[in-house]
């Protein structure tokens, strides 16, 4: 995965609180909610670059099925 850019963002405290509450309602971090909103706005404006992959997957990796034990030899 490509390196993610770090950006310092200054927001009005009321806007930050509203975004943080919205993020909590959708079980996202505030940072993930801001990225979600930016991606959606870019897509709606037709400005989302084609090479901009999807948002990173967070959380636990999917469970792997258990390996089958080798057959017993007589």
N, C-alpha and C. Protein backbone atom coordinates (compact mmCIF):
# COMPACT_ATOMS: atom_id res chain seq x y z
N UNK A 1 0.84 -1.17 0.00
CA UNK A 1 0.00 0.00 0.00
C UNK A 1 0.89 1.23 0.00
N UNK A 2 0.47 2.25 -0.72
CA UNK A 2 1.25 3.47 -0.83
C UNK A 2 1.23 4.24 0.49
N UNK A 3 2.26 5.03 0.68
CA UNK A 3 2.35 5.88 1.87
C UNK A 3 1.19 6.86 1.87
N UNK A 4 0.60 7.07 3.02
CA UNK A 4 -0.52 8.00 3.14
C UNK A 4 0.02 9.37 3.55
N UNK A 5 -0.51 10.42 2.96
CA UNK A 5 -0.09 11.79 3.26
C UNK A 5 -0.66 12.23 4.60
N UNK A 6 0.11 13.02 5.30
CA UNK A 6 -0.33 13.61 6.57
C UNK A 6 -0.64 15.07 6.30
N UNK A 7 -1.80 15.52 6.78
CA UNK A 7 -2.25 16.88 6.53
C UNK A 7 -2.71 17.50 7.84
N UNK A 8 -2.25 18.70 8.11
CA UNK A 8 -2.75 19.45 9.26
C UNK A 8 -3.99 20.21 8.80
N UNK A 9 -5.10 20.00 9.47
CA UNK A 9 -6.36 20.61 9.07
C UNK A 9 -6.90 21.44 10.23
N UNK A 10 -7.16 22.70 9.97
CA UNK A 10 -7.73 23.57 10.99
C UNK A 10 -9.22 23.69 10.72
N UNK A 11 -10.03 23.38 11.73
CA UNK A 11 -11.48 23.44 11.61
C UNK A 11 -12.07 24.29 12.71
N UNK A 12 -13.20 24.88 12.42
CA UNK A 12 -13.98 25.55 13.45
C UNK A 12 -14.38 24.48 14.46
N UNK A 13 -14.29 24.76 15.75
CA UNK A 13 -14.62 23.73 16.75
C UNK A 13 -16.02 23.14 16.58
N UNK A 14 -16.99 23.96 16.19
CA UNK A 14 -18.36 23.44 16.00
C UNK A 14 -18.41 22.46 14.83
N UNK A 15 -17.66 22.75 13.77
CA UNK A 15 -17.61 21.84 12.62
C UNK A 15 -16.94 20.54 13.03
N UNK A 16 -15.84 20.64 13.76
CA UNK A 16 -15.15 19.44 14.22
C UNK A 16 -16.07 18.59 15.09
N UNK A 17 -16.78 19.22 16.01
CA UNK A 17 -17.70 18.48 16.88
C UNK A 17 -18.78 17.77 16.07
N UNK A 18 -19.32 18.46 15.05
CA UNK A 18 -20.36 17.86 14.22
C UNK A 18 -19.82 16.66 13.44
N UNK A 19 -18.61 16.80 12.89
CA UNK A 19 -18.00 15.69 12.15
C UNK A 19 -17.69 14.53 13.10
N UNK A 20 -17.20 14.84 14.28
CA UNK A 20 -16.88 13.79 15.26
C UNK A 20 -18.15 13.04 15.69
N UNK A 21 -19.25 13.76 15.89
CA UNK A 21 -20.51 13.09 16.26
C UNK A 21 -21.00 12.20 15.12
N UNK A 22 -20.91 12.71 13.88
CA UNK A 22 -21.33 11.95 12.71
C UNK A 22 -20.46 10.71 12.57
N UNK A 23 -19.17 10.85 12.77
CA UNK A 23 -18.26 9.71 12.70
C UNK A 23 -18.64 8.66 13.75
N UNK A 24 -18.93 9.10 14.95
CA UNK A 24 -19.33 8.17 16.00
C UNK A 24 -20.60 7.43 15.65
N UNK A 25 -21.55 8.12 15.03
CA UNK A 25 -22.80 7.48 14.62
C UNK A 25 -22.56 6.38 13.59
N UNK A 26 -21.52 6.54 12.77
CA UNK A 26 -21.23 5.57 11.71
C UNK A 26 -20.06 4.66 12.07
N UNK A 27 -19.67 4.68 13.34
CA UNK A 27 -18.58 3.83 13.85
C UNK A 27 -17.29 4.02 13.07
N UNK A 28 -16.96 5.27 12.77
CA UNK A 28 -15.70 5.62 12.12
C UNK A 28 -14.93 6.56 13.04
N UNK A 29 -13.64 6.66 12.79
CA UNK A 29 -12.86 7.69 13.47
C UNK A 29 -13.17 9.02 12.78
N UNK A 30 -12.85 10.11 13.46
CA UNK A 30 -13.06 11.42 12.85
C UNK A 30 -12.23 11.55 11.58
N UNK A 31 -11.00 11.05 11.61
CA UNK A 31 -10.13 11.11 10.44
C UNK A 31 -10.74 10.33 9.27
N UNK A 32 -11.24 9.13 9.54
CA UNK A 32 -11.85 8.32 8.48
C UNK A 32 -13.11 9.00 7.93
N UNK A 33 -13.86 9.68 8.79
CA UNK A 33 -15.07 10.37 8.33
C UNK A 33 -14.70 11.52 7.41
N UNK A 34 -13.65 12.26 7.76
CA UNK A 34 -13.22 13.37 6.90
C UNK A 34 -12.76 12.83 5.55
N UNK A 35 -12.00 11.72 5.54
CA UNK A 35 -11.57 11.14 4.27
C UNK A 35 -12.77 10.66 3.47
N UNK A 36 -13.74 10.04 4.13
CA UNK A 36 -14.96 9.57 3.46
C UNK A 36 -15.68 10.75 2.79
N UNK A 37 -15.83 11.85 3.52
CA UNK A 37 -16.52 13.02 2.98
C UNK A 37 -15.75 13.64 1.81
N UNK A 38 -14.43 13.71 1.94
CA UNK A 38 -13.62 14.26 0.84
C UNK A 38 -13.72 13.40 -0.41
N UNK A 39 -13.64 12.08 -0.24
CA UNK A 39 -13.75 11.17 -1.39
C UNK A 39 -15.12 11.30 -2.06
N UNK A 40 -16.17 11.37 -1.24
CA UNK A 40 -17.52 11.48 -1.79
C UNK A 40 -17.68 12.80 -2.55
N UNK A 41 -17.18 13.89 -1.99
CA UNK A 41 -17.27 15.19 -2.67
C UNK A 41 -16.48 15.18 -3.98
N UNK A 42 -15.29 14.58 -3.97
CA UNK A 42 -14.50 14.49 -5.20
C UNK A 42 -15.21 13.65 -6.26
N UNK A 43 -15.79 12.53 -5.85
CA UNK A 43 -16.50 11.67 -6.80
C UNK A 43 -17.71 12.39 -7.39
N UNK A 44 -18.48 13.08 -6.55
CA UNK A 44 -19.66 13.79 -7.04
C UNK A 44 -19.29 14.92 -7.99
N UNK A 45 -18.12 15.51 -7.80
CA UNK A 45 -17.66 16.59 -8.67
C UNK A 45 -16.93 16.06 -9.90
N UNK A 46 -16.78 14.74 -9.99
CA UNK A 46 -16.05 14.15 -11.12
C UNK A 46 -14.56 14.40 -11.05
N UNK A 47 -14.03 14.59 -9.86
CA UNK A 47 -12.62 14.92 -9.69
C UNK A 47 -11.82 13.86 -8.94
N UNK A 48 -12.46 12.74 -8.60
CA UNK A 48 -11.73 11.68 -7.91
C UNK A 48 -10.81 11.00 -8.91
N UNK A 49 -9.49 11.02 -8.68
CA UNK A 49 -8.56 10.41 -9.63
C UNK A 49 -8.82 8.91 -9.77
N UNK A 50 -8.65 8.41 -10.99
CA UNK A 50 -8.86 6.98 -11.24
C UNK A 50 -7.91 6.11 -10.46
N UNK A 51 -6.70 6.58 -10.20
CA UNK A 51 -5.72 5.79 -9.47
C UNK A 51 -5.85 5.87 -7.97
N UNK A 52 -6.84 6.60 -7.48
CA UNK A 52 -7.02 6.72 -6.02
C UNK A 52 -7.78 5.49 -5.55
N UNK A 53 -7.05 4.52 -5.05
CA UNK A 53 -7.69 3.29 -4.60
C UNK A 53 -8.73 3.56 -3.54
N UNK A 54 -9.40 2.51 -3.14
CA UNK A 54 -10.42 2.65 -2.11
C UNK A 54 -9.80 3.00 -0.78
N UNK A 55 -10.64 3.34 0.16
CA UNK A 55 -10.11 3.64 1.49
C UNK A 55 -9.48 2.39 2.10
N UNK A 56 -8.49 2.56 2.95
CA UNK A 56 -7.83 1.39 3.53
C UNK A 56 -8.79 0.59 4.39
N UNK A 57 -8.64 -0.72 4.36
CA UNK A 57 -9.48 -1.59 5.18
C UNK A 57 -8.91 -1.59 6.58
N UNK A 58 -9.77 -1.38 7.53
CA UNK A 58 -9.36 -1.34 8.93
C UNK A 58 -9.98 -2.51 9.67
N UNK A 59 -9.48 -2.75 10.84
CA UNK A 59 -10.06 -3.80 11.67
C UNK A 59 -9.33 -5.12 11.52
N UNK A 60 -9.93 -6.15 12.03
CA UNK A 60 -9.32 -7.47 11.99
C UNK A 60 -9.33 -8.03 10.59
N UNK A 61 -8.29 -8.78 10.24
CA UNK A 61 -8.32 -9.46 8.95
C UNK A 61 -9.35 -10.58 9.00
N UNK A 62 -9.88 -11.00 7.84
CA UNK A 62 -10.86 -12.09 7.85
C UNK A 62 -10.24 -13.37 8.37
N UNK A 63 -11.07 -14.18 9.01
CA UNK A 63 -10.57 -15.45 9.55
C UNK A 63 -10.23 -16.40 8.41
N UNK A 64 -9.13 -17.10 8.59
CA UNK A 64 -8.72 -18.11 7.62
C UNK A 64 -9.38 -19.43 7.99
N UNK A 65 -9.83 -20.21 7.01
CA UNK A 65 -10.39 -21.51 7.36
C UNK A 65 -9.30 -22.39 7.96
N UNK A 66 -9.66 -23.25 8.91
CA UNK A 66 -8.63 -24.10 9.53
C UNK A 66 -8.02 -25.04 8.50
N UNK A 67 -6.73 -25.24 8.65
CA UNK A 67 -6.02 -26.15 7.73
C UNK A 67 -6.50 -27.57 7.99
N UNK A 68 -6.67 -28.32 6.92
CA UNK A 68 -7.10 -29.71 7.08
C UNK A 68 -5.93 -30.54 7.57
N UNK A 69 -6.17 -31.40 8.57
CA UNK A 69 -5.08 -32.25 9.05
C UNK A 69 -4.72 -33.29 7.99
N UNK A 70 -3.46 -33.72 7.97
CA UNK A 70 -3.07 -34.73 6.98
C UNK A 70 -3.81 -36.03 7.25
N UNK A 71 -4.10 -36.79 6.20
CA UNK A 71 -4.80 -38.07 6.42
C UNK A 71 -3.92 -39.02 7.23
N UNK A 72 -4.59 -39.80 8.09
CA UNK A 72 -3.85 -40.77 8.93
C UNK A 72 -3.33 -41.90 8.06
N UNK A 73 -2.07 -42.28 8.26
CA UNK A 73 -1.53 -43.42 7.53
C UNK A 73 -1.66 -44.67 8.39
N UNK A 74 -2.06 -45.80 7.78
CA UNK A 74 -2.19 -47.04 8.56
C UNK A 74 -0.87 -47.63 8.96
